[in-house]
Amino acid sequence: MATDATLSVFVDESGRFKLPDRESSYYIVSLVMHDQRVPIDGLIAELDRHFAEMRLSNVCFHAGPLIRQKNAFAIMDWSFRNKIFRRMLAFANKLDFQYHCLTVEKRFVDSTEQIVSRLQNDMEEFFDRLVKAHPEIDRFKVYYDCGQTPVTNMLLATFKARSGLAIEFAQAVRPERYKLFQVADMIATLKLVELKIGRGEPMTESEYKFFGGPRNFKRNYLRFVKAKEI
């Protein structure tokens, strides 16, 4: 008996709904899509084994604090934190998934309402394209930790307007439970650095130290996932 084809959609964000904002020039929503018919348990077990060998059995990958040496990563030196990032990047490189990022450059908007409006329009347009591109999918399952209320509302509004779709919102999503949610977190950070480089903006001191400058970032980090962008 055939099983339903379910497409997982893992959602994370980078930035703040704030204007003006010297600390955040962009707002990014990253969407990671995975066909649940494609097994990934083996790759997850491999990643967990690598982290266990590094004595990181309980680690939850979070790119921002990892790069800035904050929170759970505060006592780890640069080389160890970089090794964690590369392990996650290698995991993502092996995974069969696609991603898309919704972005707003804050200098082109006048209010937080405009940020929300642009993201909402882009999200609806993207999901229309996603549904058309995957007619074989029977159900969409959305994973979001409700970290920012406007993003939660966007997701609800986007799918509510598409009543013909079979939609499920995962309950009580915690990043540490889902490696693909952690991949979405990494994708949002990679997209942020990519945007800054593309617009000729300098990387932060911590980003430059971590990634080794724009050229090294593109060659040794971004290229491993860029082919999965849609």
C-alpha atoms as a PDB file:
ATOM      1  CA  MET A   1       0.000   0.000   0.000  1.00  0.00           C
ATOM      2  CA  ALA A   2       1.476   3.357  -1.053  1.00  0.00           C
ATOM      3  CA  THR A   3       2.122   5.944   1.604  1.00  0.00           C
ATOM      4  CA  ASP A   4       1.252   9.607   1.339  1.00  0.00           C
ATOM      5  CA  ALA A   5       3.955  11.849  -0.099  1.00  0.00           C
ATOM      6  CA  THR A   6       4.680  14.460   2.555  1.00  0.00           C
ATOM      7  CA  LEU A   7       6.962  17.437   2.030  1.00  0.00           C
ATOM      8  CA  SER A   8       8.497  18.791   5.213  1.00  0.00           C
ATOM      9  CA  VAL A   9       9.057  22.550   5.343  1.00  0.00           C
ATOM     10  CA  PHE A  10      11.441  23.699   8.072  1.00  0.00           C
ATOM     11  CA  VAL A  11      11.331  27.439   8.744  1.00  0.00           C
ATOM     12  CA  ASP A  12      13.847  29.670  10.500  1.00  0.00           C
ATOM     13  CA  GLU A  13      14.631  33.373  10.463  1.00  0.00           C
ATOM     14  CA  SER A  14      17.513  35.819  10.804  1.00  0.00           C
ATOM     15  CA  GLY A  15      17.042  39.451  11.791  1.00  0.00           C
ATOM     16  CA  ARG A  16      14.568  41.551  13.724  1.00  0.00           C
ATOM     17  CA  PHE A  17      11.347  43.378  12.946  1.00  0.00           C
ATOM     18  CA  LYS A  18      12.831  46.701  13.958  1.00  0.00           C
ATOM     19  CA  LEU A  19      13.522  50.024  12.233  1.00  0.00           C
ATOM     20  CA  PRO A  20      15.974  51.624  12.358  1.00  0.00           C
ATOM     21  CA  ASP A  21      18.276  48.785  13.274  1.00  0.00           C
ATOM     22  CA  ARG A  22      22.062  49.159  13.180  1.00  0.00           C
ATOM     23  CA  GLU A  23      22.561  45.526  14.155  1.00  0.00           C
ATOM     24  CA  SER A  24      20.426  43.972  11.441  1.00  0.00           C
ATOM     25  CA  SER A  25      20.312  45.322   7.879  1.00  0.00           C
ATOM     26  CA  TYR A  26      18.341  42.367   6.524  1.00  0.00           C
ATOM     27  CA  TYR A  27      15.455  40.167   7.485  1.00  0.00           C
ATOM     28  CA  ILE A  28      15.653  36.610   6.185  1.00  0.00           C
ATOM     29  CA  VAL A  29      13.245  33.695   6.368  1.00  0.00           C
ATOM     30  CA  SER A  30      14.851  30.404   5.355  1.00  0.00           C
ATOM     31  CA  LEU A  31      12.703  27.507   4.131  1.00  0.00           C
ATOM     32  CA  VAL A  32      14.195  24.013   3.922  1.00  0.00           C
ATOM     33  CA  MET A  33      12.123  21.427   2.031  1.00  0.00           C
ATOM     34  CA  HIS A  34      12.549  17.662   2.368  1.00  0.00           C
ATOM     35  CA  ASP A  35      10.512  14.828   0.869  1.00  0.00           C
ATOM     36  CA  GLN A  36       9.773  12.493   3.769  1.00  0.00           C
ATOM     37  CA  ARG A  37       9.896   9.509   1.421  1.00  0.00           C
ATOM     38  CA  VAL A  38      13.667   9.999   1.222  1.00  0.00           C
ATOM     39  CA  PRO A  39      15.241   8.435   4.340  1.00  0.00           C
ATOM     40  CA  ILE A  40      17.830  10.460   6.242  1.00  0.00           C
ATOM     41  CA  ASP A  41      18.139   8.441   9.463  1.00  0.00           C
ATOM     42  CA  GLY A  42      21.529   7.088   8.433  1.00  0.00           C
ATOM     43  CA  LEU A  43      22.947  10.552   7.811  1.00  0.00           C
ATOM     44  CA  ILE A  44      21.567  11.817  11.121  1.00  0.00           C
ATOM     45  CA  ALA A  45      23.132   8.867  12.933  1.00  0.00           C
ATOM     46  CA  GLU A  46      26.450   9.610  11.219  1.00  0.00           C
ATOM     47  CA  LEU A  47      26.322  13.263  12.275  1.00  0.00           C
ATOM     48  CA  ASP A  48      25.406  12.322  15.843  1.00  0.00           C
ATOM     49  CA  ARG A  49      28.328   9.903  15.888  1.00  0.00           C
ATOM     50  CA  HIS A  50      30.740  12.622  14.740  1.00  0.00           C
ATOM     51  CA  PHE A  51      29.448  15.003  17.409  1.00  0.00           C
ATOM     52  CA  ALA A  52      29.659  12.285  20.059  1.00  0.00           C
ATOM     53  CA  GLU A  53      33.301  11.722  19.126  1.00  0.00           C
ATOM     54  CA  MET A  54      33.785  15.458  19.738  1.00  0.00           C
ATOM     55  CA  ARG A  55      32.008  15.039  23.098  1.00  0.00           C
ATOM     56  CA  LEU A  56      29.072  17.080  21.846  1.00  0.00           C
ATOM     57  CA  SER A  57      26.265  14.589  22.349  1.00  0.00           C
ATOM     58  CA  ASN A  58      23.825  17.253  23.560  1.00  0.00           C
ATOM     59  CA  VAL A  59      24.811  20.073  21.203  1.00  0.00           C
ATOM     60  CA  CYS A  60      22.163  21.978  19.251  1.00  0.00           C
ATOM     61  CA  PHE A  61      23.720  23.645  16.224  1.00  0.00           C
ATOM     62  CA  HIS A  62      23.038  27.391  16.194  1.00  0.00           C
ATOM     63  CA  ALA A  63      25.132  29.224  13.607  1.00  0.00           C
ATOM     64  CA  GLY A  64      25.006  32.775  15.002  1.00  0.00           C
ATOM     65  CA  PRO A  65      26.277  32.020  18.532  1.00  0.00           C
ATOM     66  CA  LEU A  66      28.720  29.478  17.087  1.00  0.00           C
ATOM     67  CA  ILE A  67      30.353  32.116  14.881  1.00  0.00           C
ATOM     68  CA  ARG A  68      30.301  34.826  17.563  1.00  0.00           C
ATOM     69  CA  GLN A  69      31.485  32.474  20.341  1.00  0.00           C
ATOM     70  CA  LYS A  70      28.378  33.038  22.461  1.00  0.00           C
ATOM     71  CA  ASN A  71      26.101  31.022  24.762  1.00  0.00           C
ATOM     72  CA  ALA A  72      26.855  27.288  24.709  1.00  0.00           C
ATOM     73  CA  PHE A  73      29.879  27.904  22.466  1.00  0.00           C
ATOM     74  CA  ALA A  74      31.515  30.597  24.625  1.00  0.00           C
ATOM     75  CA  ILE A  75      34.336  28.414  25.970  1.00  0.00           C
ATOM     76  CA  MET A  76      35.168  26.766  22.615  1.00  0.00           C
ATOM     77  CA  ASP A  77      38.081  28.061  20.568  1.00  0.00           C
ATOM     78  CA  TRP A  78      37.864  29.048  16.900  1.00  0.00           C
ATOM     79  CA  SER A  79      39.145  25.773  15.440  1.00  0.00           C
ATOM     80  CA  PHE A  80      36.714  23.636  17.447  1.00  0.00           C
ATOM     81  CA  ARG A  81      33.729  25.823  16.586  1.00  0.00           C
ATOM     82  CA  ASN A  82      34.748  25.789  12.935  1.00  0.00           C
ATOM     83  CA  LYS A  83      34.918  21.988  13.037  1.00  0.00           C
ATOM     84  CA  ILE A  84      31.333  21.893  14.337  1.00  0.00           C
ATOM     85  CA  PHE A  85      30.201  24.135  11.480  1.00  0.00           C
ATOM     86  CA  ARG A  86      31.992  22.020   8.885  1.00  0.00           C
ATOM     87  CA  ARG A  87      30.416  18.848  10.235  1.00  0.00           C
ATOM     88  CA  MET A  88      26.963  20.365   9.835  1.00  0.00           C
ATOM     89  CA  LEU A  89      27.881  21.660   6.386  1.00  0.00           C
ATOM     90  CA  ALA A  90      29.065  18.196   5.304  1.00  0.00           C
ATOM     91  CA  PHE A  91      25.805  16.731   6.618  1.00  0.00           C
ATOM     92  CA  ALA A  92      23.778  19.268   4.623  1.00  0.00           C
ATOM     93  CA  ASN A  93      25.847  18.592   1.512  1.00  0.00           C
ATOM     94  CA  LYS A  94      24.883  14.897   1.644  1.00  0.00           C
ATOM     95  CA  LEU A  95      21.204  15.557   2.311  1.00  0.00           C
ATOM     96  CA  ASP A  96      18.579  15.491  -0.409  1.00  0.00           C
ATOM     97  CA  PHE A  97      16.775  18.781   0.223  1.00  0.00           C
ATOM     98  CA  GLN A  98      16.044  22.148  -1.353  1.00  0.00           C
ATOM     99  CA  TYR A  99      15.941  25.576   0.198  1.00  0.00           C
ATOM    100  CA  HIS A 100      14.633  29.039  -0.511  1.00  0.00           C
ATOM    101  CA  CYS A 101      15.200  32.289   1.354  1.00  0.00           C
ATOM    102  CA  LEU A 102      12.817  35.230   1.576  1.00  0.00           C
ATOM    103  CA  THR A 103      14.801  38.420   2.103  1.00  0.00           C
ATOM    104  CA  VAL A 104      14.113  42.066   2.818  1.00  0.00           C
ATOM    105  CA  GLU A 105      16.818  44.723   2.817  1.00  0.00           C
ATOM    106  CA  LYS A 106      15.707  47.155   5.488  1.00  0.00           C
ATOM    107  CA  ARG A 107      17.071  50.294   3.839  1.00  0.00           C
ATOM    108  CA  PHE A 108      14.367  49.923   1.181  1.00  0.00           C
ATOM    109  CA  VAL A 109      11.437  49.858   3.612  1.00  0.00           C
ATOM    110  CA  ASP A 110       9.973  52.533   5.868  1.00  0.00           C
ATOM    111  CA  SER A 111       8.240  50.461   8.525  1.00  0.00           C
ATOM    112  CA  THR A 112       8.037  47.053  10.114  1.00  0.00           C
ATOM    113  CA  GLU A 113       4.646  46.681   8.446  1.00  0.00           C
ATOM    114  CA  GLN A 114       6.375  46.917   5.069  1.00  0.00           C
ATOM    115  CA  ILE A 115       8.832  44.198   6.084  1.00  0.00           C
ATOM    116  CA  VAL A 116       5.936  41.919   6.986  1.00  0.00           C
ATOM    117  CA  SER A 117       3.994  42.789   3.834  1.00  0.00           C
ATOM    118  CA  ARG A 118       6.905  42.064   1.505  1.00  0.00           C
ATOM    119  CA  LEU A 119       7.733  38.798   3.211  1.00  0.00           C
ATOM    120  CA  GLN A 120       4.072  37.740   3.150  1.00  0.00           C
ATOM    121  CA  ASN A 121       3.763  38.440  -0.580  1.00  0.00           C
ATOM    122  CA  ASP A 122       7.009  36.621  -1.341  1.00  0.00           C
ATOM    123  CA  MET A 123       6.025  33.666   0.825  1.00  0.00           C
ATOM    124  CA  GLU A 124       2.664  33.256  -0.895  1.00  0.00           C
ATOM    125  CA  GLU A 125       4.256  33.512  -4.337  1.00  0.00           C
ATOM    126  CA  PHE A 126       6.909  30.956  -3.422  1.00  0.00           C
ATOM    127  CA  PHE A 127       4.443  28.414  -2.052  1.00  0.00           C
ATOM    128  CA  ASP A 128       2.297  28.736  -5.159  1.00  0.00           C
ATOM    129  CA  ARG A 129       5.376  27.842  -7.216  1.00  0.00           C
ATOM    130  CA  LEU A 130       6.326  25.054  -4.805  1.00  0.00           C
ATOM    131  CA  VAL A 131       2.911  23.408  -5.050  1.00  0.00           C
ATOM    132  CA  LYS A 132       2.960  23.565  -8.856  1.00  0.00           C
ATOM    133  CA  ALA A 133       6.487  22.155  -8.954  1.00  0.00           C
ATOM    134  CA  HIS A 134       5.501  19.168  -6.781  1.00  0.00           C
ATOM    135  CA  PRO A 135       2.135  17.834  -7.970  1.00  0.00           C
ATOM    136  CA  GLU A 136       3.067  14.438  -6.516  1.00  0.00           C
ATOM    137  CA  ILE A 137       3.021  15.803  -2.950  1.00  0.00           C
ATOM    138  CA  ASP A 138      -0.099  14.914  -0.953  1.00  0.00           C
ATOM    139  CA  ARG A 139       0.667  16.796   2.239  1.00  0.00           C
ATOM    140  CA  PHE A 140       2.833  19.642   3.514  1.00  0.00           C
ATOM    141  CA  LYS A 141       4.115  19.538   7.086  1.00  0.00           C
ATOM    142  CA  VAL A 142       5.473  22.815   8.462  1.00  0.00           C
ATOM    143  CA  TYR A 143       8.035  22.940  11.265  1.00  0.00           C
ATOM    144  CA  TYR A 144       8.504  26.298  12.981  1.00  0.00           C
ATOM    145  CA  ASP A 145       9.338  27.026  16.602  1.00  0.00           C
ATOM    146  CA  CYS A 146       7.117  30.146  16.683  1.00  0.00           C
ATOM    147  CA  GLY A 147      10.185  32.195  17.525  1.00  0.00           C
ATOM    148  CA  GLN A 148       8.731  35.393  16.031  1.00  0.00           C
ATOM    149  CA  THR A 149       5.004  36.034  15.935  1.00  0.00           C
ATOM    150  CA  PRO A 150       4.939  37.802  12.518  1.00  0.00           C
ATOM    151  CA  VAL A 151       6.517  34.731  10.883  1.00  0.00           C
ATOM    152  CA  THR A 152       3.998  32.436  12.571  1.00  0.00           C
ATOM    153  CA  ASN A 153       1.166  34.648  11.307  1.00  0.00           C
ATOM    154  CA  MET A 154       2.621  34.660   7.776  1.00  0.00           C
ATOM    155  CA  LEU A 155       2.733  30.888   7.669  1.00  0.00           C
ATOM    156  CA  LEU A 156      -0.806  30.554   8.981  1.00  0.00           C
ATOM    157  CA  ALA A 157      -2.135  33.139   6.512  1.00  0.00           C
ATOM    158  CA  THR A 158      -0.275  31.574   3.578  1.00  0.00           C
ATOM    159  CA  PHE A 159      -1.702  28.112   4.105  1.00  0.00           C
ATOM    160  CA  LYS A 160      -5.140  29.221   5.277  1.00  0.00           C
ATOM    161  CA  ALA A 161      -5.586  30.919   1.895  1.00  0.00           C
ATOM    162  CA  ARG A 162      -4.835  27.597   0.188  1.00  0.00           C
ATOM    163  CA  SER A 163      -7.639  25.520   1.644  1.00  0.00           C
ATOM    164  CA  GLY A 164      -7.266  22.857  -1.041  1.00  0.00           C
ATOM    165  CA  LEU A 165      -3.901  21.783   0.340  1.00  0.00           C
ATOM    166  CA  ALA A 166      -3.415  19.160   3.029  1.00  0.00           C
ATOM    167  CA  ILE A 167      -1.415  21.075   5.628  1.00  0.00           C
ATOM    168  CA  GLU A 168      -0.126  20.053   9.028  1.00  0.00           C
ATOM    169  CA  PHE A 169       1.742  22.274  11.478  1.00  0.00           C
ATOM    170  CA  ALA A 170       4.098  20.327  13.719  1.00  0.00           C
ATOM    171  CA  GLN A 171       3.439  20.999  17.387  1.00  0.00           C
ATOM    172  CA  ALA A 172       5.967  22.038  20.040  1.00  0.00           C
ATOM    173  CA  VAL A 173       8.874  22.292  17.606  1.00  0.00           C
ATOM    174  CA  ARG A 174      12.205  22.476  19.399  1.00  0.00           C
ATOM    175  CA  PRO A 175      15.355  23.031  17.296  1.00  0.00           C
ATOM    176  CA  GLU A 176      17.360  20.404  19.187  1.00  0.00           C
ATOM    177  CA  ARG A 177      14.924  17.704  18.044  1.00  0.00           C
ATOM    178  CA  TYR A 178      15.295  18.289  14.307  1.00  0.00           C
ATOM    179  CA  LYS A 179      18.557  18.331  12.385  1.00  0.00           C
ATOM    180  CA  LEU A 180      16.761  19.825   9.375  1.00  0.00           C
ATOM    181  CA  PHE A 181      15.616  22.739  11.510  1.00  0.00           C
ATOM    182  CA  GLN A 182      19.266  23.272  12.408  1.00  0.00           C
ATOM    183  CA  VAL A 183      20.094  23.153   8.690  1.00  0.00           C
ATOM    184  CA  ALA A 184      17.519  25.913   8.134  1.00  0.00           C
ATOM    185  CA  ASP A 185      19.307  27.939  10.810  1.00  0.00           C
ATOM    186  CA  MET A 186      22.633  27.444   9.016  1.00  0.00           C
ATOM    187  CA  ILE A 187      21.104  28.365   5.645  1.00  0.00           C
ATOM    188  CA  ALA A 188      19.772  31.656   7.064  1.00  0.00           C
ATOM    189  CA  THR A 189      23.262  32.575   8.290  1.00  0.00           C
ATOM    190  CA  LEU A 190      24.932  31.609   5.011  1.00  0.00           C
ATOM    191  CA  LYS A 191      22.374  33.676   3.111  1.00  0.00           C
ATOM    192  CA  LEU A 192      23.000  36.688   5.357  1.00  0.00           C
ATOM    193  CA  VAL A 193      26.751  36.596   4.687  1.00  0.00           C
ATOM    194  CA  GLU A 194      26.126  35.987   0.974  1.00  0.00           C
ATOM    195  CA  LEU A 195      23.864  39.054   0.782  1.00  0.00           C
ATOM    196  CA  LYS A 196      26.403  41.281   2.505  1.00  0.00           C
ATOM    197  CA  ILE A 197      29.220  40.156   0.217  1.00  0.00           C
ATOM    198  CA  GLY A 198      27.039  40.552  -2.864  1.00  0.00           C
ATOM    199  CA  ARG A 199      26.251  44.149  -1.909  1.00  0.00           C
ATOM    200  CA  GLY A 200      29.868  45.005  -1.122  1.00  0.00           C
ATOM    201  CA  GLU A 201      29.307  45.241   2.617  1.00  0.00           C
ATOM    202  CA  PRO A 202      32.057  44.143   5.000  1.00  0.00           C
ATOM    203  CA  MET A 203      31.777  40.949   6.969  1.00  0.00           C
ATOM    204  CA  THR A 204      31.771  41.374  10.725  1.00  0.00           C
ATOM    205  CA  GLU A 205      35.032  40.725  12.552  1.00  0.00           C
ATOM    206  CA  SER A 206      33.758  37.373  13.829  1.00  0.00           C
ATOM    207  CA  GLU A 207      32.468  36.362  10.379  1.00  0.00           C
ATOM    208  CA  TYR A 208      35.782  37.244   8.749  1.00  0.00           C
ATOM    209  CA  LYS A 209      37.743  35.272  11.306  1.00  0.00           C
ATOM    210  CA  PHE A 210      35.381  32.307  11.095  1.00  0.00           C
ATOM    211  CA  PHE A 211      35.011  32.083   7.306  1.00  0.00           C
ATOM    212  CA  GLY A 212      38.368  33.527   6.238  1.00  0.00           C
ATOM    213  CA  GLY A 213      37.079  36.366   4.058  1.00  0.00           C
ATOM    214  CA  PRO A 214      34.610  36.575   1.140  1.00  0.00           C
ATOM    215  CA  ARG A 215      36.512  34.417  -1.351  1.00  0.00           C
ATOM    216  CA  ASN A 216      37.110  31.628   1.139  1.00  0.00           C
ATOM    217  CA  PHE A 217      33.475  31.821   2.269  1.00  0.00           C
ATOM    218  CA  LYS A 218      32.186  31.261  -1.254  1.00  0.00           C
ATOM    219  CA  ARG A 219      34.670  28.509  -2.080  1.00  0.00           C
ATOM    220  CA  ASN A 220      34.722  26.527   1.158  1.00  0.00           C
ATOM    221  CA  TYR A 221      31.264  27.124   2.650  1.00  0.00           C
ATOM    222  CA  LEU A 222      28.556  28.540   0.396  1.00  0.00           C
ATOM    223  CA  ARG A 223      29.206  26.333  -2.622  1.00  0.00           C
ATOM    224  CA  PHE A 224      28.381  23.156  -0.709  1.00  0.00           C
ATOM    225  CA  VAL A 225      24.716  24.117  -0.416  1.00  0.00           C
ATOM    226  CA  LYS A 226      24.217  26.666  -3.187  1.00  0.00           C
ATOM    227  CA  ALA A 227      23.154  24.045  -5.732  1.00  0.00           C
ATOM    228  CA  LYS A 228      20.181  23.159  -3.497  1.00  0.00           C
ATOM    229  CA  GLU A 229      18.720  26.682  -3.646  1.00  0.00           C
ATOM    230  CA  ILE A 230      15.479  27.145  -5.576  1.00  0.00           C
END
